[in-house]
Amino acid sequence: MRIARGGEDAAAEPLSAPPAPRIPYAFAKRFGAAVVGEEDGALAVALREGGDPRRLIEVRRFLGRPFAISFAAPEQFDRILSDRYAADGQAAAESLGVGDDLRSLASDLPTADDLLDSADDAPAIRLINGIIADAARQGVSDIHIEPYETGLVVRMRIDGVLRETLRMPPHVAPVVVSRIKVMARLDIAERRVPQDGRIGLTLGGKLLDVRVSTLPSRAGERVVLRILDKENAGIGLDQLGMPEAVNRLYREALGEPNGIVLVTGPTGSGKTTSLYAGLRLLNDGSRNLLTVEDPVEYAIEGVGQTQVNAKVGLSFAAGLRAILRQDPDVVMVGEIRDRETADVAVQAALTGHLVLSTVHTNDAVGAITRLRDMKVEPFLLASTIRAVIAQRLVRRLCPACKAPVEAGPELGALGIAPGTLLFESRGCGECAQSGFKGRIGVFEAVRVDDTIRRLVNHGADETEIAAHAFRDAPNLAAAARDLVLAGVTTAGEAVRITRREDGNV
């Protein structure tokens, strides 16, 4: 064994190496030793600083090969565990105590009508842990547990599309739902009203926050689990995939001393992630950053975050009024959805605050007209809005199985000439036969200049404002077309996010 001491840099170096034999996750976490790479047949093992070097004897016995050792600081070693194990199904099973596939776990469930009637709830725990571990491994955003008369169906949303992954007998529905409610600290005896809760889990060293929502239905209670990977709170602006021009425009808007910066798009389009990335850029310790959200999705160190609570009258508008008395420099409002919130946001911008928020509209220019429809005076909008960014998410073609195809005449509406070489999805083992793997953002951005201020102030419609805003910059349709021509996504995905008016894109 060769020992090299190099702190974080020495431990981080092997991370880019090809896959190597894996030490069992439980051992790696407990004793602070993990294989981090292999190069030219030589293994590299990271040992957590403060770990017991005598455990390397067990590592040598398990691997059966010589290896080089580098020392890693505790934080670096935690990242190594996350990178090496969190996306691995076997490690996920080890960390959550799951040893079998989901179908065999489902078959072990008791038939009791209520979880409390069962002497052993271990099968239900293993099944739920297995479902969450499998979802986290595949990058699932939401898990739907739906009871019907014919059975209990589990569907997972992968890359924005729901897929059925498990079907169980109907008698297991109360057992599964009750166990989830226990984990989320909800009232298992109350089945007539919706309930909301949270479950905190650690998977392969990665922190997961699972939001739980129950809803009474005819055949029982439906449950939706939203998986929030806390590492996403650390995504920086350069990791969002914005084109350089949009990235630069967003940074310039965030550098303004006051005003309103809006991010628009439908639910699940990544608006909150973009706002959090902006907050991280501004969170340098010299400003007071406060937010009011519904709910608080990710905790950010250095940012004061408040959650809306309708039961006690804490709405977006009430929360915004309260935090304006907390001497803020930057304020983030989860959503502007009514006139009251819009008025307070505009007043906050006029009094020297930078306000970040979202609006549910189809495009960037639509956010301006939406606020105008909320009866905000046009001259106030013209003087406060600094920039609007609209975004969507499209599925990215699987690089392992995408196939070339010539464009047909029907794609003329997208501005793609017939015969142009494009790519289509086929499906393979790498992408679970879907043809897609991951998603990528599509953006359009409007920087409010003197001309747009004048148009807004004079009550111009969306068409006039858009004609000037996108005279030299791509709109959503053009940005999506560029991704299609680059072979990143399909024409069908581009059409899906493109708004059509009078038959034109």
Protein backbone atom coordinates (compact mmCIF):
# COMPACT_ATOMS: atom_id res chain seq x y z
CA MET A 1 0.00 0.00 0.00
CA ARG A 2 1.28 3.47 -0.87
CA ILE A 3 0.15 6.39 1.28
CA ALA A 4 -0.08 9.89 -0.18
CA ARG A 5 -1.28 12.77 1.94
CA GLY A 6 -2.84 15.59 -0.02
CA GLY A 7 -6.03 16.73 1.74
CA GLU A 8 -9.04 17.51 -0.42
CA ASP A 9 -7.15 17.78 -3.70
CA ALA A 10 -5.63 14.34 -3.36
CA ALA A 11 -9.00 12.80 -2.56
CA ALA A 12 -10.80 14.67 -5.29
CA GLU A 13 -8.36 13.68 -8.05
CA PRO A 14 -9.50 10.05 -8.48
CA LEU A 15 -13.21 10.98 -8.70
CA SER A 16 -13.05 11.26 -12.47
CA ALA A 17 -11.50 7.79 -12.81
CA PRO A 18 -13.44 4.87 -14.35
CA PRO A 19 -15.77 2.80 -12.14
CA ALA A 20 -13.88 0.58 -9.69
CA PRO A 21 -14.80 -2.21 -7.25
CA ARG A 22 -17.03 -0.89 -4.49
CA ILE A 23 -16.62 -1.28 -0.74
CA PRO A 24 -20.04 -1.97 0.87
CA TYR A 25 -21.76 1.30 1.68
CA ALA A 26 -22.35 0.55 5.37
CA PHE A 27 -18.63 -0.21 5.89
CA ALA A 28 -17.51 2.83 3.88
CA LYS A 29 -19.70 5.20 5.87
CA ARG A 30 -18.89 3.73 9.29
CA PHE A 31 -15.12 3.43 8.95
CA GLY A 32 -14.42 6.22 6.49
CA ALA A 33 -12.83 4.31 3.63
CA ALA A 34 -14.06 4.26 0.02
CA VAL A 35 -12.69 3.31 -3.39
CA VAL A 36 -12.65 6.48 -5.47
CA GLY A 37 -11.18 5.31 -8.76
CA GLU A 38 -8.96 3.02 -10.78
CA GLU A 39 -6.27 3.96 -13.24
CA ASP A 40 -4.01 1.58 -15.17
CA GLY A 41 -5.15 -1.26 -12.92
CA ALA A 42 -4.24 0.55 -9.68
CA LEU A 43 -7.00 1.28 -7.17
CA ALA A 44 -7.25 4.54 -5.21
CA VAL A 45 -8.86 4.54 -1.76
CA ALA A 46 -9.86 7.67 0.18
CA LEU A 47 -9.54 7.51 3.97
CA ARG A 48 -11.48 10.05 5.99
CA GLU A 49 -9.24 12.16 8.20
CA GLY A 50 -9.59 10.89 11.76
CA GLY A 51 -10.52 7.40 10.53
CA ASP A 52 -8.89 4.26 11.92
CA PRO A 53 -6.00 3.22 9.61
CA ARG A 54 -6.30 -0.34 10.94
CA ARG A 55 -9.52 -0.69 8.95
CA LEU A 56 -7.41 -0.61 5.80
CA ILE A 57 -6.47 -4.20 6.58
CA GLU A 58 -10.15 -5.15 6.13
CA VAL A 59 -10.29 -3.08 2.95
CA ARG A 60 -7.21 -4.92 1.62
CA ARG A 61 -8.78 -8.28 2.45
CA PHE A 62 -12.06 -7.34 0.74
CA LEU A 63 -10.51 -5.91 -2.43
CA GLY A 64 -7.78 -8.54 -2.75
CA ARG A 65 -5.58 -6.01 -4.55
CA PRO A 66 -3.03 -3.36 -3.57
CA PHE A 67 -4.15 0.25 -3.57
CA ALA A 68 -2.94 3.79 -2.99
CA ILE A 69 -4.39 5.85 -0.16
CA SER A 70 -5.25 9.53 -0.05
CA PHE A 71 -6.69 11.40 2.92
CA ALA A 72 -9.95 13.36 2.62
CA ALA A 73 -11.41 16.00 4.90
CA PRO A 74 -14.76 14.95 6.42
CA GLU A 75 -16.79 17.22 4.08
CA GLN A 76 -14.90 15.96 1.03
CA PHE A 77 -15.39 12.36 2.11
CA ASP A 78 -19.15 12.94 2.44
CA ARG A 79 -19.20 14.20 -1.15
CA ILE A 80 -17.27 11.12 -2.24
CA LEU A 81 -19.88 8.88 -0.59
CA SER A 82 -22.66 10.81 -2.32
CA ASP A 83 -20.98 10.67 -5.74
CA ARG A 84 -20.01 7.01 -5.51
CA TYR A 85 -23.07 5.52 -3.83
CA ALA A 86 -26.19 7.73 -3.97
CA ALA A 87 -27.08 6.86 -7.57
CA ASP A 88 -26.43 3.15 -7.09
CA GLY A 89 -29.44 0.93 -6.53
CA GLN A 90 -27.62 -1.59 -4.33
CA ALA A 91 -26.20 1.13 -2.08
CA ALA A 92 -29.64 2.71 -1.84
CA ALA A 93 -31.03 -0.63 -0.74
CA GLU A 94 -28.29 -1.03 1.87
CA SER A 95 -28.78 2.45 3.30
CA LEU A 96 -32.55 2.06 3.62
CA GLY A 97 -32.58 -1.56 4.67
CA VAL A 98 -34.06 -2.88 1.42
CA GLY A 99 -32.78 -6.16 0.09
CA ASP A 100 -35.30 -7.29 -2.52
CA ASP A 101 -37.04 -5.85 -5.56
CA LEU A 102 -40.27 -3.87 -5.15
CA ARG A 103 -42.60 -6.62 -6.36
CA SER A 104 -41.31 -9.15 -3.85
CA LEU A 105 -41.52 -6.54 -1.09
CA ALA A 106 -45.12 -5.78 -2.06
CA SER A 107 -46.04 -9.45 -1.83
CA ASP A 108 -44.86 -9.54 1.81
CA LEU A 109 -47.32 -6.89 2.99
CA PRO A 110 -49.91 -7.92 5.59
CA THR A 111 -53.60 -7.87 4.72
CA ALA A 112 -54.72 -5.88 7.76
CA ASP A 113 -57.15 -3.02 7.13
CA ASP A 114 -55.15 -0.75 9.40
CA LEU A 115 -51.44 -0.64 10.07
CA LEU A 116 -52.02 -0.64 13.83
CA ASP A 117 -53.77 -4.00 13.54
CA SER A 118 -50.57 -5.58 12.26
CA ALA A 119 -48.05 -6.97 14.70
CA ASP A 120 -45.21 -6.44 12.21
CA ASP A 121 -45.06 -3.33 10.02
CA ALA A 122 -41.56 -4.10 8.75
CA PRO A 123 -42.77 -5.23 5.27
CA ALA A 124 -44.55 -1.90 4.74
CA ILE A 125 -41.48 0.03 5.88
CA ARG A 126 -39.21 -1.93 3.54
CA LEU A 127 -41.61 -1.41 0.62
CA ILE A 128 -41.90 2.36 1.12
CA ASN A 129 -38.14 2.70 1.62
CA GLY A 130 -37.62 0.65 -1.51
CA ILE A 131 -40.01 2.83 -3.55
CA ILE A 132 -38.29 6.04 -2.42
CA ALA A 133 -34.79 4.57 -2.95
CA ASP A 134 -35.72 3.40 -6.44
CA ALA A 135 -37.22 6.81 -7.23
CA ALA A 136 -34.15 8.69 -5.98
CA ARG A 137 -31.88 6.45 -8.02
CA GLN A 138 -33.83 7.20 -11.22
CA GLY A 139 -34.07 10.94 -10.61
CA VAL A 140 -37.84 10.86 -10.04
CA SER A 141 -39.46 14.15 -9.00
CA ASP A 142 -42.85 12.82 -7.81
CA ILE A 143 -44.24 9.46 -6.66
CA HIS A 144 -48.01 8.93 -7.07
CA ILE A 145 -49.65 6.22 -4.92
CA GLU A 146 -53.18 5.78 -6.26
CA PRO A 147 -55.83 3.38 -4.88
CA TYR A 148 -58.47 1.95 -7.23
CA GLU A 149 -61.00 -0.84 -6.84
CA THR A 150 -58.77 -3.11 -8.92
CA GLY A 151 -55.52 -2.40 -7.08
CA LEU A 152 -52.99 0.07 -5.72
CA VAL A 153 -50.95 1.71 -8.48
CA VAL A 154 -47.56 3.38 -8.00
CA ARG A 155 -46.54 5.82 -10.74
CA MET A 156 -43.35 7.89 -10.90
CA ARG A 157 -42.74 11.14 -12.78
CA ILE A 158 -39.44 10.83 -14.65
CA ASP A 159 -38.32 13.76 -16.82
CA GLY A 160 -41.80 15.25 -16.49
CA VAL A 161 -43.70 12.13 -17.64
CA LEU A 162 -45.59 9.70 -15.38
CA ARG A 163 -44.85 5.98 -15.72
CA GLU A 164 -46.44 3.09 -13.89
CA THR A 165 -43.80 1.16 -11.93
CA LEU A 166 -45.76 -1.08 -9.56
CA ARG A 167 -49.27 -2.50 -9.19
CA MET A 168 -50.40 -4.18 -5.95
CA PRO A 169 -53.62 -5.82 -4.68
CA PRO A 170 -56.23 -3.38 -3.36
CA HIS A 171 -56.06 -4.70 0.22
CA VAL A 172 -52.55 -3.28 0.75
CA ALA A 173 -53.62 0.33 0.12
CA PRO A 174 -54.58 1.18 3.75
CA VAL A 175 -51.37 -0.42 5.03
CA VAL A 176 -49.11 1.54 2.70
CA VAL A 177 -50.93 4.86 3.14
CA SER A 178 -51.04 4.53 6.93
CA ARG A 179 -47.34 3.77 7.10
CA ILE A 180 -46.51 6.83 4.98
CA LYS A 181 -48.68 8.99 7.23
CA VAL A 182 -46.84 7.67 10.29
CA MET A 183 -43.48 8.52 8.68
CA ALA A 184 -44.74 12.03 7.82
CA ARG A 185 -46.24 12.51 11.32
CA LEU A 186 -49.78 12.88 9.99
CA ASP A 187 -53.02 11.81 11.67
CA ILE A 188 -53.60 8.21 10.54
CA ALA A 189 -57.12 8.20 11.98
CA GLU A 190 -58.23 11.16 9.83
CA ARG A 191 -59.09 9.97 6.33
CA ARG A 192 -61.73 12.55 5.35
CA VAL A 193 -59.59 15.67 4.80
CA PRO A 194 -56.35 16.32 2.89
CA GLN A 195 -53.13 16.43 4.91
CA ASP A 196 -49.59 17.63 4.23
CA GLY A 197 -46.31 16.62 5.85
CA ARG A 198 -42.63 15.94 5.28
CA ILE A 199 -40.23 13.01 5.59
CA GLY A 200 -36.48 13.52 5.97
CA LEU A 201 -34.23 10.76 4.62
CA THR A 202 -30.56 10.14 3.94
CA LEU A 203 -29.74 8.07 0.88
CA GLY A 204 -26.12 7.14 0.25
CA GLY A 205 -24.96 10.21 2.15
CA LYS A 206 -27.35 12.44 0.16
CA LEU A 207 -30.05 14.35 2.04
CA LEU A 208 -33.57 14.00 0.67
CA ASP A 209 -36.60 15.99 1.77
CA VAL A 210 -39.84 14.21 0.81
CA ARG A 211 -43.02 16.32 0.80
CA VAL A 212 -46.14 14.26 1.45
CA SER A 213 -49.66 15.19 0.35
CA THR A 214 -52.75 13.02 0.95
CA LEU A 215 -56.14 13.45 -0.71
CA PRO A 216 -59.35 11.47 0.01
CA SER A 217 -60.74 9.67 -3.03
CA ARG A 218 -63.52 7.18 -3.72
CA ALA A 219 -61.30 4.10 -3.33
CA GLY A 220 -59.16 5.38 -0.48
CA GLU A 221 -56.53 8.06 0.09
CA ARG A 222 -54.26 9.13 -2.74
CA VAL A 223 -50.70 10.05 -1.75
CA VAL A 224 -48.18 12.10 -3.71
CA LEU A 225 -44.56 12.20 -2.55
CA ARG A 226 -42.40 15.01 -3.98
CA ILE A 227 -38.69 14.27 -3.68
CA LEU A 228 -36.53 17.32 -3.08
CA ASP A 229 -32.81 16.67 -3.35
CA LYS A 230 -31.22 19.18 -0.97
CA GLU A 231 -28.11 19.28 -3.11
CA ASN A 232 -30.17 21.13 -5.74
CA ALA A 233 -30.26 24.10 -3.38
CA GLY A 234 -26.55 24.48 -4.11
CA ILE A 235 -26.97 24.79 -7.88
CA GLY A 236 -25.21 27.90 -9.12
CA LEU A 237 -26.20 30.21 -11.94
CA ASP A 238 -23.68 28.69 -14.34
CA GLN A 239 -25.16 25.22 -13.80
CA LEU A 240 -28.68 26.12 -14.96
CA GLY A 241 -27.83 25.61 -18.63
CA MET A 242 -28.82 29.14 -19.63
CA PRO A 243 -27.40 30.43 -22.91
CA GLU A 244 -24.61 32.94 -22.36
CA ALA A 245 -26.76 35.92 -23.36
CA VAL A 246 -29.56 34.97 -20.94
CA ASN A 247 -27.07 34.25 -18.16
CA ARG A 248 -25.46 37.66 -18.64
CA LEU A 249 -28.85 39.41 -18.71
CA TYR A 250 -29.95 37.66 -15.50
CA ARG A 251 -26.72 38.63 -13.73
CA GLU A 252 -27.10 42.24 -14.81
CA ALA A 253 -30.67 42.35 -13.50
CA LEU A 254 -29.59 40.81 -10.18
CA GLY A 255 -26.92 43.49 -9.92
CA GLU A 256 -29.54 46.27 -9.92
CA PRO A 257 -29.94 48.06 -6.56
CA ASN A 258 -33.75 47.90 -6.78
CA GLY A 259 -36.61 46.80 -9.00
CA ILE A 260 -38.44 43.56 -9.84
CA VAL A 261 -36.94 40.52 -11.55
CA LEU A 262 -39.51 37.92 -12.66
CA VAL A 263 -39.18 34.28 -13.70
CA THR A 264 -42.22 32.82 -15.50
CA GLY A 265 -43.36 29.41 -16.64
CA PRO A 266 -45.75 26.59 -15.73
CA THR A 267 -45.50 24.42 -12.64
CA GLY A 268 -42.44 22.20 -12.70
CA SER A 269 -40.45 24.29 -15.17
CA GLY A 270 -37.62 25.07 -12.75
CA LYS A 271 -38.58 28.63 -11.76
CA THR A 272 -37.72 28.16 -8.09
CA THR A 273 -34.35 26.61 -8.96
CA SER A 274 -33.50 29.67 -11.07
CA LEU A 275 -34.51 32.03 -8.26
CA TYR A 276 -32.46 30.06 -5.71
CA ALA A 277 -29.45 30.25 -8.02
CA GLY A 278 -29.92 34.02 -8.10
CA LEU A 279 -30.16 34.16 -4.31
CA ARG A 280 -26.92 32.19 -3.99
CA LEU A 281 -25.19 34.71 -6.24
CA LEU A 282 -26.39 37.58 -4.03
CA ASN A 283 -25.74 35.75 -0.75
CA ASP A 284 -22.27 37.15 -0.07
CA GLY A 285 -22.87 38.21 3.54
CA SER A 286 -23.15 41.92 2.74
CA ARG A 287 -26.91 41.88 2.15
CA ASN A 288 -29.99 40.92 4.13
CA LEU A 289 -31.87 38.35 2.00
CA LEU A 290 -35.41 37.39 3.04
CA THR A 291 -38.00 35.18 1.34
CA VAL A 292 -41.66 34.27 1.71
CA GLU A 293 -42.48 30.95 0.02
CA ASP A 294 -45.23 28.35 -0.24
CA PRO A 295 -43.66 26.07 0.86
CA VAL A 296 -39.96 26.56 1.66
CA GLU A 297 -38.46 23.91 -0.63
CA TYR A 298 -34.76 24.19 0.23
CA ALA A 299 -33.03 25.72 3.24
CA ILE A 300 -30.27 28.18 2.28
CA GLU A 301 -27.68 29.20 4.85
CA GLY A 302 -27.60 32.97 5.21
CA VAL A 303 -31.13 33.56 3.86
CA GLY A 304 -34.14 34.20 6.11
CA GLN A 305 -36.99 32.05 4.80
CA THR A 306 -40.65 32.32 5.83
CA GLN A 307 -43.39 29.89 4.86
CA VAL A 308 -46.91 30.97 3.95
CA ASN A 309 -49.52 29.76 6.45
CA ALA A 310 -53.11 30.42 5.36
CA LYS A 311 -54.52 29.06 8.64
CA VAL A 312 -53.11 32.00 10.59
CA GLY A 313 -53.54 34.59 7.83
CA LEU A 314 -49.91 34.62 6.68
CA SER A 315 -50.37 35.11 2.95
CA PHE A 316 -47.75 36.20 0.41
CA ALA A 317 -48.88 39.81 0.79
CA ALA A 318 -48.91 39.68 4.60
CA GLY A 319 -45.53 37.96 4.71
CA LEU A 320 -44.05 40.47 2.27
CA ARG A 321 -45.31 43.38 4.36
CA ALA A 322 -43.77 41.82 7.47
CA ILE A 323 -40.34 41.16 6.00
CA LEU A 324 -40.16 44.71 4.62
CA ARG A 325 -39.93 45.77 8.28
CA GLN A 326 -36.90 43.48 8.73
CA ASP A 327 -34.50 45.83 6.90
CA PRO A 328 -34.09 43.62 3.78
CA ASP A 329 -31.90 44.38 0.78
CA VAL A 330 -33.27 41.57 -1.39
CA VAL A 331 -36.74 40.03 -1.12
CA MET A 332 -37.97 36.86 -2.83
CA VAL A 333 -41.71 36.25 -3.09
CA GLY A 334 -42.66 32.70 -4.09
CA GLU A 335 -45.38 33.86 -6.47
CA ILE A 336 -47.31 36.99 -7.39
CA ARG A 337 -50.82 35.65 -7.76
CA ASP A 338 -53.12 38.53 -6.77
CA ARG A 339 -53.36 42.31 -6.86
CA GLU A 340 -52.50 42.76 -3.19
CA THR A 341 -49.19 40.92 -3.51
CA ALA A 342 -48.40 42.73 -6.76
CA ASP A 343 -49.03 46.13 -5.18
CA VAL A 344 -46.79 45.38 -2.19
CA ALA A 345 -44.05 44.03 -4.47
CA VAL A 346 -44.14 47.19 -6.61
CA GLN A 347 -44.03 49.42 -3.53
CA ALA A 348 -41.07 47.42 -2.20
CA ALA A 349 -39.23 47.94 -5.48
CA LEU A 350 -40.01 51.68 -5.43
CA THR A 351 -38.61 52.01 -1.90
CA GLY A 352 -35.18 50.64 -2.81
CA HIS A 353 -35.51 46.85 -2.58
CA LEU A 354 -34.65 44.23 -5.17
CA VAL A 355 -37.65 41.90 -5.49
CA LEU A 356 -37.43 38.42 -7.06
CA SER A 357 -40.61 36.53 -7.84
CA THR A 358 -42.48 34.24 -10.23
CA VAL A 359 -45.63 34.65 -12.29
CA HIS A 360 -47.54 31.87 -14.07
CA THR A 361 -47.67 33.04 -17.69
CA ASN A 362 -46.92 31.48 -21.07
CA ASP A 363 -44.00 33.74 -21.95
CA ALA A 364 -41.87 36.60 -20.69
CA VAL A 365 -43.90 39.45 -22.18
CA GLY A 366 -47.09 37.89 -20.82
CA ALA A 367 -45.86 38.57 -17.27
CA ILE A 368 -46.07 42.32 -17.90
CA THR A 369 -49.63 42.14 -19.22
CA ARG A 370 -50.60 39.76 -16.40
CA LEU A 371 -49.53 42.32 -13.79
CA ARG A 372 -51.38 44.98 -15.75
CA ASP A 373 -54.49 42.79 -15.61
CA MET A 374 -54.06 42.74 -11.81
CA LYS A 375 -54.75 46.51 -11.98
CA VAL A 376 -51.16 47.55 -11.30
CA GLU A 377 -50.69 50.96 -12.89
CA PRO A 378 -48.67 50.79 -16.14
CA PHE A 379 -46.36 53.64 -15.11
CA LEU A 380 -45.46 51.71 -11.92
CA LEU A 381 -44.66 48.57 -13.93
CA ALA A 382 -42.55 50.58 -16.38
CA SER A 383 -40.45 52.04 -13.58
CA THR A 384 -39.98 48.89 -11.47
CA ILE A 385 -39.61 45.80 -13.72
CA ARG A 386 -35.96 45.21 -14.63
CA ALA A 387 -36.08 41.85 -16.43
CA VAL A 388 -38.37 38.90 -17.13
CA ILE A 389 -37.13 35.37 -17.87
CA ALA A 390 -39.44 32.66 -19.21
CA GLN A 391 -38.37 29.03 -19.07
CA ARG A 392 -39.50 25.52 -19.92
CA LEU A 393 -37.98 22.08 -19.55
CA VAL A 394 -37.72 19.69 -22.50
CA ARG A 395 -36.57 16.09 -22.40
CA ARG A 396 -33.04 15.46 -23.60
CA LEU A 397 -32.48 12.69 -26.16
CA CYS A 398 -30.69 9.62 -24.87
CA PRO A 399 -27.18 9.82 -26.38
CA ALA A 400 -26.91 6.02 -26.50
CA CYS A 401 -29.87 5.38 -28.81
CA LYS A 402 -30.87 8.58 -30.61
CA ALA A 403 -31.11 8.06 -34.36
CA PRO A 404 -30.89 10.50 -37.31
CA VAL A 405 -33.99 11.29 -39.32
CA GLU A 406 -34.90 13.81 -42.01
CA ALA A 407 -37.37 16.57 -41.15
CA GLY A 408 -40.75 16.40 -42.84
CA PRO A 409 -42.82 19.28 -44.25
CA GLU A 410 -44.96 19.39 -41.09
CA LEU A 411 -42.03 21.01 -39.21
CA GLY A 412 -42.17 24.11 -41.36
CA ALA A 413 -44.12 25.82 -38.56
CA LEU A 414 -40.98 25.50 -36.41
CA GLY A 415 -38.86 27.08 -39.11
CA ILE A 416 -37.14 23.78 -39.98
CA ALA A 417 -36.75 23.13 -43.69
CA PRO A 418 -37.81 19.71 -45.07
CA GLY A 419 -34.88 17.34 -45.37
CA THR A 420 -32.93 18.88 -42.48
CA LEU A 421 -31.06 16.22 -40.50
CA LEU A 422 -32.59 15.84 -37.03
CA PHE A 423 -32.63 13.12 -34.39
CA GLU A 424 -35.47 11.05 -32.96
CA SER A 425 -35.85 8.87 -29.86
CA ARG A 426 -35.62 5.09 -30.16
CA GLY A 427 -35.31 3.61 -26.66
CA CYS A 428 -32.69 1.35 -25.07
CA GLY A 429 -31.64 -0.09 -21.73
CA GLU A 430 -29.83 3.12 -20.78
CA CYS A 431 -33.04 5.18 -20.87
CA ALA A 432 -35.54 2.47 -19.82
CA GLN A 433 -36.86 2.32 -23.43
CA SER A 434 -38.12 5.90 -23.24
CA GLY A 435 -35.63 7.41 -25.70
CA PHE A 436 -34.93 10.31 -23.34
CA LYS A 437 -32.53 10.82 -20.47
CA GLY A 438 -32.68 13.96 -18.37
CA ARG A 439 -34.04 17.39 -19.19
CA ILE A 440 -32.64 20.72 -20.34
CA GLY A 441 -33.96 24.25 -19.94
CA VAL A 442 -35.29 26.43 -22.75
CA PHE A 443 -35.14 30.15 -22.00
CA GLU A 444 -36.20 33.52 -23.32
CA ALA A 445 -35.37 36.79 -21.60
CA VAL A 446 -36.59 40.38 -21.79
CA ARG A 447 -34.45 43.21 -20.44
CA VAL A 448 -36.64 46.24 -19.84
CA ASP A 449 -35.02 49.17 -21.66
CA ASP A 450 -36.27 52.69 -22.36
CA THR A 451 -38.28 51.58 -25.39
CA ILE A 452 -40.11 48.83 -23.48
CA ARG A 453 -40.74 51.23 -20.59
CA ARG A 454 -42.35 53.64 -23.01
CA LEU A 455 -44.45 50.87 -24.60
CA VAL A 456 -45.62 49.60 -21.19
CA ASN A 457 -46.39 53.10 -19.99
CA HIS A 458 -48.51 53.75 -23.08
CA GLY A 459 -50.44 50.49 -22.70
CA ALA A 460 -48.96 48.62 -25.68
CA ASP A 461 -50.13 45.04 -26.21
CA GLU A 462 -47.97 41.90 -26.03
CA THR A 463 -47.29 41.79 -29.78
CA GLU A 464 -45.76 45.28 -29.85
CA ILE A 465 -43.61 44.65 -26.78
CA ALA A 466 -42.46 41.24 -28.05
CA ALA A 467 -41.56 42.66 -31.48
CA HIS A 468 -39.03 44.95 -29.84
CA ALA A 469 -37.88 42.56 -27.09
CA PHE A 470 -37.03 39.72 -29.49
CA ARG A 471 -35.78 41.79 -32.40
CA ASP A 472 -32.20 40.60 -31.76
CA ALA A 473 -32.77 37.80 -29.23
CA PRO A 474 -34.41 34.35 -29.53
CA ASN A 475 -37.83 33.70 -28.05
CA LEU A 476 -38.88 30.32 -26.63
CA ALA A 477 -39.76 28.89 -30.05
CA ALA A 478 -36.40 29.91 -31.54
CA ALA A 479 -34.48 28.60 -28.51
CA ALA A 480 -36.32 25.26 -28.74
CA ARG A 481 -35.63 25.07 -32.49
CA ASP A 482 -31.91 25.58 -31.84
CA LEU A 483 -31.91 22.61 -29.46
CA VAL A 484 -33.67 20.47 -32.07
CA LEU A 485 -31.16 21.41 -34.77
CA ALA A 486 -28.31 20.68 -32.35
CA GLY A 487 -29.64 17.15 -31.80
CA VAL A 488 -30.31 17.75 -28.09
CA THR A 489 -34.07 17.12 -28.21
CA THR A 490 -36.82 16.20 -30.68
CA ALA A 491 -39.14 18.36 -32.74
CA GLY A 492 -42.07 16.91 -30.79
CA GLU A 493 -40.64 18.25 -27.54
CA ALA A 494 -40.12 21.67 -29.12
CA VAL A 495 -43.72 21.75 -30.39
CA ARG A 496 -44.98 20.74 -26.93
CA ILE A 497 -43.59 23.86 -25.26
CA THR A 498 -44.35 26.26 -28.11
CA ARG A 499 -47.46 28.40 -27.92
CA ARG A 500 -49.40 28.62 -31.17
CA GLU A 501 -51.50 31.55 -32.19
CA ASP A 502 -53.56 31.55 -35.37
CA GLY A 503 -51.69 28.47 -36.55
CA ASN A 504 -48.27 30.10 -36.27
CA VAL A 505 -45.47 29.35 -33.81
